[in-house]
Amino acid sequence: MSDLPEKFRNTLTIGDSISGLREIPDGSIHMILSDIPYGIGAEAWDVLHDNANSAYLGVSPAQERAGSVFRSRRKPLNGWSAADRLIPLQYQEWCAEWAVEWRRVLKPGGSAVLFAGRRLAHRAVTALEDAGFTFKDMIAWKKSSAPFRAQRISAVYERRGDTTSAGFWKGWRVGNLRPTFEPILWLVKPYTIGGTIADNMADHGVGAFNEAAYTIYAGGPDNIIDIGFERGEAGRHPTQKPVGLMEALISLTTSRGHVVLDPFAGSGSSLIAAKRLDRIYVGYEANPIYAATAYGRLTEEPERLPV
């Protein structure tokens, strides 16, 4: 069911997937499932640009002028400088670096399903569309808990001693709503020109989606999904996703024996899900610490008997 050479099957490579994917043959992957970096500077590995004036995980000249009170709050949405406001475009350009390779290695009709941050998800979609993908849908993963850090603007006026303004603006906040969902972007490589999806399914095994399998996890063919962590599962990675959630997404577009690729494997949740579902997995992770965690989890995961 796969044209993927044996040396790539059920492997996790420590290294940069952008260069590593060039070794994978054309059209040998059935699905790409990945929790890509969001480009919002949550961790050092999430800073994806050479922006020297960025306040991400550091201090820009503008932030220094603003004072230490702002230092722990990172940056406002519009950045601290004109250079910071280039970051959305720089994130799109970074996505474009690997989008073409993703399309090349996928089979016609194959899906690329990726987690992306709400702030820059549209930039990822644009890069993938420019590479030839079709944007199919967005799935909302509803999280069991989320912090709400929007500052009360009345508190700012209270510190200034301006009780009139504090009272007038009571109930108003600076920041975002509670982030209770994360977007999951579903894109597809166009199926064979001149054929139908049915023809593509017969030729390549992908193109449609498995409603029955997905419903087992999601409760219906809905684009809102609520799957949390199993007991003792969390805490392996700052942006870790539940294995059960990855199983649901893999079940949506692939069958047993298909190949699932994760170019940003992190602690390996997608690879474990693929292994549990009798799929072939291929993973890349640039951070050796997270790769070691993924190796350990995969080793602990028992082989499943064919059913």
C-alpha atoms as a PDB file:
ATOM      1  CA  MET A   1       0.000   0.000   0.000  1.00  0.00           C
ATOM      2  CA  SER A   2       3.026   2.279   0.150  1.00  0.00           C
ATOM      3  CA  ASP A   3       5.936   3.154  -2.106  1.00  0.00           C
ATOM      4  CA  LEU A   4       8.019   4.237   0.886  1.00  0.00           C
ATOM      5  CA  PRO A   5      11.396   2.464   1.107  1.00  0.00           C
ATOM      6  CA  GLU A   6      11.914   0.274   4.155  1.00  0.00           C
ATOM      7  CA  LYS A   7      14.650   2.487   5.620  1.00  0.00           C
ATOM      8  CA  PHE A   8      12.111   5.257   6.312  1.00  0.00           C
ATOM      9  CA  ARG A   9       9.393   3.090   7.842  1.00  0.00           C
ATOM     10  CA  ASN A  10       8.658   3.464  11.544  1.00  0.00           C
ATOM     11  CA  THR A  11      11.569   5.835  12.104  1.00  0.00           C
ATOM     12  CA  LEU A  12      12.194   9.004  14.066  1.00  0.00           C
ATOM     13  CA  THR A  13      15.090  11.103  12.810  1.00  0.00           C
ATOM     14  CA  ILE A  14      16.782  13.742  14.952  1.00  0.00           C
ATOM     15  CA  GLY A  15      17.272  16.664  12.623  1.00  0.00           C
ATOM     16  CA  ASP A  16      15.720  19.318  10.450  1.00  0.00           C
ATOM     17  CA  SER A  17      12.790  17.971   8.456  1.00  0.00           C
ATOM     18  CA  ILE A  18      13.108  20.683   5.798  1.00  0.00           C
ATOM     19  CA  SER A  19      16.278  19.036   4.515  1.00  0.00           C
ATOM     20  CA  GLY A  20      15.382  15.507   5.610  1.00  0.00           C
ATOM     21  CA  LEU A  21      12.198  15.359   3.558  1.00  0.00           C
ATOM     22  CA  ARG A  22      14.171  15.797   0.352  1.00  0.00           C
ATOM     23  CA  GLU A  23      15.218  12.141   0.641  1.00  0.00           C
ATOM     24  CA  ILE A  24      11.647  10.843   0.746  1.00  0.00           C
ATOM     25  CA  PRO A  25      10.322   9.710  -2.658  1.00  0.00           C
ATOM     26  CA  ASP A  26       7.540  11.585  -4.441  1.00  0.00           C
ATOM     27  CA  GLY A  27       4.019  10.494  -3.614  1.00  0.00           C
ATOM     28  CA  SER A  28       4.964   7.983  -0.913  1.00  0.00           C
ATOM     29  CA  ILE A  29       3.076   9.476   2.067  1.00  0.00           C
ATOM     30  CA  HIS A  30      -0.648   9.111   2.719  1.00  0.00           C
ATOM     31  CA  MET A  31      -0.982  11.768   5.410  1.00  0.00           C
ATOM     32  CA  ILE A  32       1.016  14.508   7.110  1.00  0.00           C
ATOM     33  CA  LEU A  33      -0.061  15.219  10.674  1.00  0.00           C
ATOM     34  CA  SER A  34       1.932  17.762  12.627  1.00  0.00           C
ATOM     35  CA  ASP A  35       1.798  20.262  15.463  1.00  0.00           C
ATOM     36  CA  ILE A  36       3.980  22.858  13.762  1.00  0.00           C
ATOM     37  CA  PRO A  37       5.658  25.743  15.621  1.00  0.00           C
ATOM     38  CA  TYR A  38       3.169  28.584  15.981  1.00  0.00           C
ATOM     39  CA  GLY A  39       5.717  31.385  15.574  1.00  0.00           C
ATOM     40  CA  ILE A  40       4.453  33.290  18.615  1.00  0.00           C
ATOM     41  CA  GLY A  41       7.656  33.047  20.641  1.00  0.00           C
ATOM     42  CA  ALA A  42       6.318  30.781  23.390  1.00  0.00           C
ATOM     43  CA  GLU A  43       9.657  28.930  23.523  1.00  0.00           C
ATOM     44  CA  ALA A  44      13.114  29.494  22.014  1.00  0.00           C
ATOM     45  CA  TRP A  45      12.392  26.911  19.272  1.00  0.00           C
ATOM     46  CA  ASP A  46       9.256  28.869  18.363  1.00  0.00           C
ATOM     47  CA  VAL A  47      11.206  31.965  17.214  1.00  0.00           C
ATOM     48  CA  LEU A  48      11.404  31.286  13.481  1.00  0.00           C
ATOM     49  CA  HIS A  49      13.037  34.410  12.123  1.00  0.00           C
ATOM     50  CA  ASP A  50      16.208  36.492  12.310  1.00  0.00           C
ATOM     51  CA  ASN A  51      14.432  39.585  13.575  1.00  0.00           C
ATOM     52  CA  ALA A  52      17.126  41.342  15.621  1.00  0.00           C
ATOM     53  CA  ASN A  53      14.691  43.855  17.124  1.00  0.00           C
ATOM     54  CA  SER A  54      12.182  41.294  18.378  1.00  0.00           C
ATOM     55  CA  ALA A  55      11.129  41.234  22.009  1.00  0.00           C
ATOM     56  CA  TYR A  56      10.516  37.466  21.779  1.00  0.00           C
ATOM     57  CA  LEU A  57      12.211  35.837  24.761  1.00  0.00           C
ATOM     58  CA  GLY A  58      14.435  38.872  25.127  1.00  0.00           C
ATOM     59  CA  VAL A  59      14.445  42.645  25.296  1.00  0.00           C
ATOM     60  CA  SER A  60      14.243  44.975  22.340  1.00  0.00           C
ATOM     61  CA  PRO A  61      15.339  48.623  22.558  1.00  0.00           C
ATOM     62  CA  ALA A  62      11.691  49.707  22.515  1.00  0.00           C
ATOM     63  CA  GLN A  63      10.860  47.288  25.306  1.00  0.00           C
ATOM     64  CA  GLU A  64      13.721  48.613  27.408  1.00  0.00           C
ATOM     65  CA  ARG A  65      12.355  52.108  27.012  1.00  0.00           C
ATOM     66  CA  ALA A  66       8.936  50.870  28.108  1.00  0.00           C
ATOM     67  CA  GLY A  67      10.388  49.730  31.414  1.00  0.00           C
ATOM     68  CA  SER A  68      10.692  46.531  33.407  1.00  0.00           C
ATOM     69  CA  VAL A  69       6.990  46.415  34.215  1.00  0.00           C
ATOM     70  CA  PHE A  70       6.336  45.349  30.628  1.00  0.00           C
ATOM     71  CA  ARG A  71       9.235  42.933  30.348  1.00  0.00           C
ATOM     72  CA  SER A  72       7.428  39.913  31.754  1.00  0.00           C
ATOM     73  CA  ARG A  73       4.371  40.509  29.602  1.00  0.00           C
ATOM     74  CA  ARG A  74       6.152  39.768  26.331  1.00  0.00           C
ATOM     75  CA  LYS A  75       4.775  42.010  23.593  1.00  0.00           C
ATOM     76  CA  PRO A  76       1.514  43.563  22.417  1.00  0.00           C
ATOM     77  CA  LEU A  77      -0.137  42.284  19.267  1.00  0.00           C
ATOM     78  CA  ASN A  78       1.346  45.052  17.129  1.00  0.00           C
ATOM     79  CA  GLY A  79       4.874  44.470  18.445  1.00  0.00           C
ATOM     80  CA  TRP A  80       7.421  46.849  19.858  1.00  0.00           C
ATOM     81  CA  SER A  81       8.795  48.038  16.539  1.00  0.00           C
ATOM     82  CA  ALA A  82       8.243  48.188  12.802  1.00  0.00           C
ATOM     83  CA  ALA A  83      10.547  45.160  12.510  1.00  0.00           C
ATOM     84  CA  ASP A  84       8.340  43.142  14.847  1.00  0.00           C
ATOM     85  CA  ARG A  85       5.360  43.848  12.638  1.00  0.00           C
ATOM     86  CA  LEU A  86       7.117  41.973   9.829  1.00  0.00           C
ATOM     87  CA  ILE A  87       6.942  38.721  11.812  1.00  0.00           C
ATOM     88  CA  PRO A  88       3.626  37.488  10.289  1.00  0.00           C
ATOM     89  CA  LEU A  89       5.123  37.678   6.797  1.00  0.00           C
ATOM     90  CA  GLN A  90       8.352  36.079   8.022  1.00  0.00           C
ATOM     91  CA  TYR A  91       6.318  33.226   9.509  1.00  0.00           C
ATOM     92  CA  GLN A  92       4.563  32.728   6.169  1.00  0.00           C
ATOM     93  CA  GLU A  93       7.921  32.645   4.406  1.00  0.00           C
ATOM     94  CA  TRP A  94       9.128  30.016   6.877  1.00  0.00           C
ATOM     95  CA  CYS A  95       6.038  27.883   6.172  1.00  0.00           C
ATOM     96  CA  ALA A  96       6.712  28.243   2.452  1.00  0.00           C
ATOM     97  CA  GLU A  97      10.152  26.649   2.948  1.00  0.00           C
ATOM     98  CA  TRP A  98       8.591  23.251   3.696  1.00  0.00           C
ATOM     99  CA  ALA A  99       5.146  23.507   2.069  1.00  0.00           C
ATOM    100  CA  VAL A 100       6.387  22.517  -1.391  1.00  0.00           C
ATOM    101  CA  GLU A 101       8.139  19.423   0.004  1.00  0.00           C
ATOM    102  CA  TRP A 102       5.006  18.440   1.900  1.00  0.00           C
ATOM    103  CA  ARG A 103       3.018  18.534  -1.338  1.00  0.00           C
ATOM    104  CA  ARG A 104       5.660  16.572  -3.220  1.00  0.00           C
ATOM    105  CA  VAL A 105       5.858  13.648  -0.799  1.00  0.00           C
ATOM    106  CA  LEU A 106       2.086  13.281  -0.395  1.00  0.00           C
ATOM    107  CA  LYS A 107       0.053  11.017  -2.619  1.00  0.00           C
ATOM    108  CA  PRO A 108      -2.600  12.710  -4.765  1.00  0.00           C
ATOM    109  CA  GLY A 109      -5.590  13.314  -2.509  1.00  0.00           C
ATOM    110  CA  GLY A 110      -3.444  13.001   0.603  1.00  0.00           C
ATOM    111  CA  SER A 111      -4.188  15.236   3.590  1.00  0.00           C
ATOM    112  CA  ALA A 112      -1.959  17.626   5.464  1.00  0.00           C
ATOM    113  CA  VAL A 113      -3.492  18.190   8.903  1.00  0.00           C
ATOM    114  CA  LEU A 114      -1.655  20.650  11.118  1.00  0.00           C
ATOM    115  CA  PHE A 115      -2.126  22.504  14.369  1.00  0.00           C
ATOM    116  CA  ALA A 116      -1.456  26.222  14.080  1.00  0.00           C
ATOM    117  CA  GLY A 117      -1.751  29.211  16.374  1.00  0.00           C
ATOM    118  CA  ARG A 118      -4.861  31.355  16.038  1.00  0.00           C
ATOM    119  CA  ARG A 119      -2.801  34.485  15.409  1.00  0.00           C
ATOM    120  CA  LEU A 120      -0.808  33.199  12.419  1.00  0.00           C
ATOM    121  CA  ALA A 121      -2.855  30.231  11.153  1.00  0.00           C
ATOM    122  CA  HIS A 122      -3.935  32.207   8.086  1.00  0.00           C
ATOM    123  CA  ARG A 123      -0.288  32.678   7.138  1.00  0.00           C
ATOM    124  CA  ALA A 124       0.254  28.904   7.218  1.00  0.00           C
ATOM    125  CA  VAL A 125      -2.824  28.373   5.050  1.00  0.00           C
ATOM    126  CA  THR A 126      -1.621  30.959   2.531  1.00  0.00           C
ATOM    127  CA  ALA A 127       1.821  29.348   2.269  1.00  0.00           C
ATOM    128  CA  LEU A 128       0.304  25.902   1.716  1.00  0.00           C
ATOM    129  CA  GLU A 129      -2.195  27.208  -0.823  1.00  0.00           C
ATOM    130  CA  ASP A 130       0.637  28.913  -2.688  1.00  0.00           C
ATOM    131  CA  ALA A 131       2.425  25.541  -2.749  1.00  0.00           C
ATOM    132  CA  GLY A 132      -0.588  23.937  -4.449  1.00  0.00           C
ATOM    133  CA  PHE A 133      -2.698  22.634  -1.577  1.00  0.00           C
ATOM    134  CA  THR A 134      -6.461  23.068  -1.280  1.00  0.00           C
ATOM    135  CA  PHE A 135      -7.757  24.334   2.061  1.00  0.00           C
ATOM    136  CA  LYS A 136     -10.519  21.880   2.975  1.00  0.00           C
ATOM    137  CA  ASP A 137     -11.649  22.733   6.503  1.00  0.00           C
ATOM    138  CA  MET A 138     -10.696  23.961   9.946  1.00  0.00           C
ATOM    139  CA  ILE A 139     -11.308  21.772  12.980  1.00  0.00           C
ATOM    140  CA  ALA A 140     -11.532  23.349  16.424  1.00  0.00           C
ATOM    141  CA  TRP A 141      -9.903  21.332  19.208  1.00  0.00           C
ATOM    142  CA  LYS A 142     -11.719  22.327  22.383  1.00  0.00           C
ATOM    143  CA  LYS A 143      -9.318  22.315  25.322  1.00  0.00           C
ATOM    144  CA  SER A 144     -10.349  21.233  28.795  1.00  0.00           C
ATOM    145  CA  SER A 145      -8.744  24.296  30.387  1.00  0.00           C
ATOM    146  CA  ALA A 146      -7.110  27.534  29.273  1.00  0.00           C
ATOM    147  CA  PRO A 147      -5.647  30.534  31.102  1.00  0.00           C
ATOM    148  CA  PHE A 148      -7.318  33.921  30.921  1.00  0.00           C
ATOM    149  CA  ARG A 149      -4.693  36.640  31.247  1.00  0.00           C
ATOM    150  CA  ALA A 150      -6.416  39.705  29.817  1.00  0.00           C
ATOM    151  CA  GLN A 151      -5.494  42.631  32.067  1.00  0.00           C
ATOM    152  CA  ARG A 152      -8.206  44.858  33.552  1.00  0.00           C
ATOM    153  CA  ILE A 153      -7.735  48.313  32.083  1.00  0.00           C
ATOM    154  CA  SER A 154      -9.331  49.763  35.213  1.00  0.00           C
ATOM    155  CA  ALA A 155      -6.333  48.453  37.192  1.00  0.00           C
ATOM    156  CA  VAL A 156      -4.026  50.577  35.047  1.00  0.00           C
ATOM    157  CA  TYR A 157      -5.978  53.704  35.929  1.00  0.00           C
ATOM    158  CA  GLU A 158      -6.125  52.692  39.601  1.00  0.00           C
ATOM    159  CA  ARG A 159      -2.324  52.549  39.724  1.00  0.00           C
ATOM    160  CA  ARG A 160      -2.265  56.035  38.232  1.00  0.00           C
ATOM    161  CA  GLY A 161      -4.670  57.275  40.865  1.00  0.00           C
ATOM    162  CA  ASP A 162      -7.313  58.032  38.242  1.00  0.00           C
ATOM    163  CA  THR A 163     -10.390  56.652  40.001  1.00  0.00           C
ATOM    164  CA  THR A 164     -12.786  58.351  37.589  1.00  0.00           C
ATOM    165  CA  SER A 165     -11.378  56.538  34.553  1.00  0.00           C
ATOM    166  CA  ALA A 166     -11.073  53.308  36.549  1.00  0.00           C
ATOM    167  CA  GLY A 167     -14.770  53.405  37.317  1.00  0.00           C
ATOM    168  CA  PHE A 168     -15.798  54.456  33.811  1.00  0.00           C
ATOM    169  CA  TRP A 169     -13.855  51.595  32.156  1.00  0.00           C
ATOM    170  CA  LYS A 170     -14.758  48.934  34.703  1.00  0.00           C
ATOM    171  CA  GLY A 171     -15.238  45.571  32.983  1.00  0.00           C
ATOM    172  CA  TRP A 172     -12.953  46.397  30.066  1.00  0.00           C
ATOM    173  CA  ARG A 173      -9.738  44.415  29.492  1.00  0.00           C
ATOM    174  CA  VAL A 174      -6.564  44.562  27.423  1.00  0.00           C
ATOM    175  CA  GLY A 175      -5.624  41.343  25.617  1.00  0.00           C
ATOM    176  CA  ASN A 176      -7.478  38.342  24.225  1.00  0.00           C
ATOM    177  CA  LEU A 177     -10.497  36.233  25.042  1.00  0.00           C
ATOM    178  CA  ARG A 178      -9.886  32.943  26.855  1.00  0.00           C
ATOM    179  CA  PRO A 179      -8.196  30.625  24.282  1.00  0.00           C
ATOM    180  CA  THR A 180     -10.490  27.623  24.708  1.00  0.00           C
ATOM    181  CA  PHE A 181      -9.808  26.136  21.272  1.00  0.00           C
ATOM    182  CA  GLU A 182      -6.877  25.602  18.938  1.00  0.00           C
ATOM    183  CA  PRO A 183      -7.338  25.497  15.174  1.00  0.00           C
ATOM    184  CA  ILE A 184      -6.472  22.361  13.240  1.00  0.00           C
ATOM    185  CA  LEU A 185      -6.003  23.123   9.547  1.00  0.00           C
ATOM    186  CA  TRP A 186      -7.006  20.451   7.041  1.00  0.00           C
ATOM    187  CA  LEU A 187      -5.554  20.808   3.567  1.00  0.00           C
ATOM    188  CA  VAL A 188      -5.364  18.305   0.724  1.00  0.00           C
ATOM    189  CA  LYS A 189      -3.110  17.712  -2.227  1.00  0.00           C
ATOM    190  CA  PRO A 190      -5.277  17.849  -5.368  1.00  0.00           C
ATOM    191  CA  TYR A 191      -6.238  14.447  -6.665  1.00  0.00           C
ATOM    192  CA  THR A 192      -5.249  13.175 -10.105  1.00  0.00           C
ATOM    193  CA  ILE A 193      -6.188  15.568 -12.904  1.00  0.00           C
ATOM    194  CA  GLY A 194      -9.015  14.232 -15.049  1.00  0.00           C
ATOM    195  CA  GLY A 195     -10.200  11.732 -12.478  1.00  0.00           C
ATOM    196  CA  THR A 196     -12.693  11.719  -9.643  1.00  0.00           C
ATOM    197  CA  ILE A 197     -12.236  11.249  -5.928  1.00  0.00           C
ATOM    198  CA  ALA A 198     -13.544   7.703  -6.377  1.00  0.00           C
ATOM    199  CA  ASP A 199     -10.846   7.072  -9.005  1.00  0.00           C
ATOM    200  CA  ASN A 200      -8.234   8.571  -6.699  1.00  0.00           C
ATOM    201  CA  MET A 201      -9.333   6.343  -3.814  1.00  0.00           C
ATOM    202  CA  ALA A 202      -8.996   3.296  -6.055  1.00  0.00           C
ATOM    203  CA  ASP A 203      -5.532   4.351  -7.242  1.00  0.00           C
ATOM    204  CA  HIS A 204      -4.014   5.827  -4.066  1.00  0.00           C
ATOM    205  CA  GLY A 205      -6.272   4.931  -1.123  1.00  0.00           C
ATOM    206  CA  VAL A 206      -6.826   8.554  -0.069  1.00  0.00           C
ATOM    207  CA  GLY A 207      -9.055  11.466  -0.989  1.00  0.00           C
ATOM    208  CA  ALA A 208     -12.261  10.784   0.935  1.00  0.00           C
ATOM    209  CA  PHE A 209     -12.697  10.655   4.726  1.00  0.00           C
ATOM    210  CA  ASN A 210     -13.802   7.881   7.065  1.00  0.00           C
ATOM    211  CA  GLU A 211     -16.887   9.207   8.856  1.00  0.00           C
ATOM    212  CA  ALA A 212     -17.450   6.000  10.824  1.00  0.00           C
ATOM    213  CA  ALA A 213     -13.909   5.843  12.214  1.00  0.00           C
ATOM    214  CA  TYR A 214     -13.772   9.544  13.077  1.00  0.00           C
ATOM    215  CA  THR A 215     -17.165   9.433  14.794  1.00  0.00           C
ATOM    216  CA  ILE A 216     -15.848   6.865  17.272  1.00  0.00           C
ATOM    217  CA  TYR A 217     -13.606   9.601  18.661  1.00  0.00           C
ATOM    218  CA  ALA A 218     -15.537  12.793  17.891  1.00  0.00           C
ATOM    219  CA  GLY A 219     -19.094  11.582  18.425  1.00  0.00           C
ATOM    220  CA  GLY A 220     -20.126  12.706  14.954  1.00  0.00           C
ATOM    221  CA  PRO A 221     -18.771  14.129  11.685  1.00  0.00           C
ATOM    222  CA  ASP A 222     -18.271  17.506  13.347  1.00  0.00           C
ATOM    223  CA  ASN A 223     -15.491  20.063  12.988  1.00  0.00           C
ATOM    224  CA  ILE A 224     -15.374  20.678  16.739  1.00  0.00           C
ATOM    225  CA  ILE A 225     -13.605  17.952  18.698  1.00  0.00           C
ATOM    226  CA  ASP A 226     -13.145  17.584  22.447  1.00  0.00           C
ATOM    227  CA  ILE A 227     -10.527  14.980  23.404  1.00  0.00           C
ATOM    228  CA  GLY A 228      -8.319  15.434  26.450  1.00  0.00           C
ATOM    229  CA  PHE A 229      -5.236  13.763  27.838  1.00  0.00           C
ATOM    230  CA  GLU A 230      -5.208  10.285  29.282  1.00  0.00           C
ATOM    231  CA  ARG A 231      -4.185   9.931  32.922  1.00  0.00           C
ATOM    232  CA  GLY A 232      -0.435  10.542  33.285  1.00  0.00           C
ATOM    233  CA  GLU A 233      -0.019  11.445  29.611  1.00  0.00           C
ATOM    234  CA  ALA A 234       0.627  15.188  29.756  1.00  0.00           C
ATOM    235  CA  GLY A 235       3.809  17.042  30.699  1.00  0.00           C
ATOM    236  CA  ARG A 236       6.174  15.708  28.014  1.00  0.00           C
ATOM    237  CA  HIS A 237       6.291  18.859  25.865  1.00  0.00           C
ATOM    238  CA  PRO A 238       5.211  22.512  26.283  1.00  0.00           C
ATOM    239  CA  THR A 239       2.690  22.210  23.435  1.00  0.00           C
ATOM    240  CA  GLN A 240       1.882  18.500  23.733  1.00  0.00           C
ATOM    241  CA  LYS A 241      -1.326  17.163  22.185  1.00  0.00           C
ATOM    242  CA  PRO A 242      -3.312  14.104  23.352  1.00  0.00           C
ATOM    243  CA  VAL A 243      -2.593  10.810  21.613  1.00  0.00           C
ATOM    244  CA  GLY A 244      -6.351  10.178  21.382  1.00  0.00           C
ATOM    245  CA  LEU A 245      -6.775  13.424  19.443  1.00  0.00           C
ATOM    246  CA  MET A 246      -4.054  12.353  17.028  1.00  0.00           C
ATOM    247  CA  GLU A 247      -5.753   8.963  16.638  1.00  0.00           C
ATOM    248  CA  ALA A 248      -8.993  10.692  15.663  1.00  0.00           C
ATOM    249  CA  LEU A 249      -7.260  12.769  12.980  1.00  0.00           C
ATOM    250  CA  ILE A 250      -5.320   9.807  11.604  1.00  0.00           C
ATOM    251  CA  SER A 251      -8.526   7.748  11.453  1.00  0.00           C
ATOM    252  CA  LEU A 252     -10.228  10.531   9.520  1.00  0.00           C
ATOM    253  CA  THR A 253      -8.244  10.141   6.291  1.00  0.00           C
ATOM    254  CA  THR A 254      -6.100   6.971   6.411  1.00  0.00           C
ATOM    255  CA  SER A 255      -6.412   3.201   6.609  1.00  0.00           C
ATOM    256  CA  ARG A 256      -4.306   0.449   8.195  1.00  0.00           C
ATOM    257  CA  GLY A 257      -0.910   0.159   6.527  1.00  0.00           C
ATOM    258  CA  HIS A 258      -0.870   3.778   5.363  1.00  0.00           C
ATOM    259  CA  VAL A 259       2.087   6.085   6.045  1.00  0.00           C
ATOM    260  CA  VAL A 260       1.744   9.021   8.448  1.00  0.00           C
ATOM    261  CA  LEU A 261       4.489  11.654   8.452  1.00  0.00           C
ATOM    262  CA  ASP A 262       5.157  14.181  11.213  1.00  0.00           C
ATOM    263  CA  PRO A 263       7.914  16.667  10.297  1.00  0.00           C
ATOM    264  CA  PHE A 264       7.738  18.351  13.743  1.00  0.00           C
ATOM    265  CA  ALA A 265       7.250  15.333  15.980  1.00  0.00           C
ATOM    266  CA  GLY A 266       7.929  16.901  19.379  1.00  0.00           C
ATOM    267  CA  SER A 267       7.390  14.293  22.080  1.00  0.00           C
ATOM    268  CA  GLY A 268       5.940  11.833  19.575  1.00  0.00           C
ATOM    269  CA  SER A 269       2.174  11.857  20.188  1.00  0.00           C
ATOM    270  CA  SER A 270       1.342  11.570  16.475  1.00  0.00           C
ATOM    271  CA  LEU A 271       3.816   8.723  16.009  1.00  0.00           C
ATOM    272  CA  ILE A 272       2.386   6.823  18.975  1.00  0.00           C
ATOM    273  CA  ALA A 273      -1.111   7.296  17.577  1.00  0.00           C
ATOM    274  CA  ALA A 274       0.011   5.955  14.201  1.00  0.00           C
ATOM    275  CA  LYS A 275       1.615   2.946  15.870  1.00  0.00           C
ATOM    276  CA  ARG A 276      -1.538   2.217  17.868  1.00  0.00           C
ATOM    277  CA  LEU A 277      -3.612   2.313  14.686  1.00  0.00           C
ATOM    278  CA  ASP A 278      -1.285   0.031  12.686  1.00  0.00           C
ATOM    279  CA  ARG A 279      -0.039   2.819  10.441  1.00  0.00           C
ATOM    280  CA  ILE A 280       3.559   3.279   9.362  1.00  0.00           C
ATOM    281  CA  TYR A 281       5.081   6.360  10.951  1.00  0.00           C
ATOM    282  CA  VAL A 282       7.878   8.672   9.842  1.00  0.00           C
ATOM    283  CA  GLY A 283       8.967  11.438  12.198  1.00  0.00           C
ATOM    284  CA  TYR A 284      11.514  14.253  12.385  1.00  0.00           C
ATOM    285  CA  GLU A 285      12.391  16.269  15.470  1.00  0.00           C
ATOM    286  CA  ALA A 286      15.175  18.839  15.604  1.00  0.00           C
ATOM    287  CA  ASN A 287      15.388  19.031  19.400  1.00  0.00           C
ATOM    288  CA  PRO A 288      17.334  16.000  20.730  1.00  0.00           C
ATOM    289  CA  ILE A 289      15.726  16.260  24.183  1.00  0.00           C
ATOM    290  CA  TYR A 290      12.192  16.027  22.815  1.00  0.00           C
ATOM    291  CA  ALA A 291      13.316  13.342  20.335  1.00  0.00           C
ATOM    292  CA  ALA A 292      14.630  11.260  23.241  1.00  0.00           C
ATOM    293  CA  THR A 293      11.264  11.625  24.962  1.00  0.00           C
ATOM    294  CA  ALA A 294       9.522  10.455  21.808  1.00  0.00           C
ATOM    295  CA  TYR A 295      11.870   7.471  21.474  1.00  0.00           C
ATOM    296  CA  GLY A 296      11.114   6.484  25.042  1.00  0.00           C
ATOM    297  CA  ARG A 297       7.373   6.727  24.563  1.00  0.00           C
ATOM    298  CA  LEU A 298       7.489   4.724  21.335  1.00  0.00           C
ATOM    299  CA  THR A 299       9.567   2.029  23.025  1.00  0.00           C
ATOM    300  CA  GLU A 300       7.091   1.796  25.886  1.00  0.00           C
ATOM    301  CA  GLU A 301       4.153   1.558  23.492  1.00  0.00           C
ATOM    302  CA  PRO A 302       3.388  -2.160  22.921  1.00  0.00           C
ATOM    303  CA  GLU A 303       3.107  -3.564  19.433  1.00  0.00           C
ATOM    304  CA  ARG A 304      -0.524  -4.112  18.487  1.00  0.00           C
ATOM    305  CA  LEU A 305      -1.652  -7.425  17.145  1.00  0.00           C
ATOM    306  CA  PRO A 306      -3.388  -7.385  13.749  1.00  0.00           C
ATOM    307  CA  VAL A 307      -7.169  -7.508  13.957  1.00  0.00           C
END
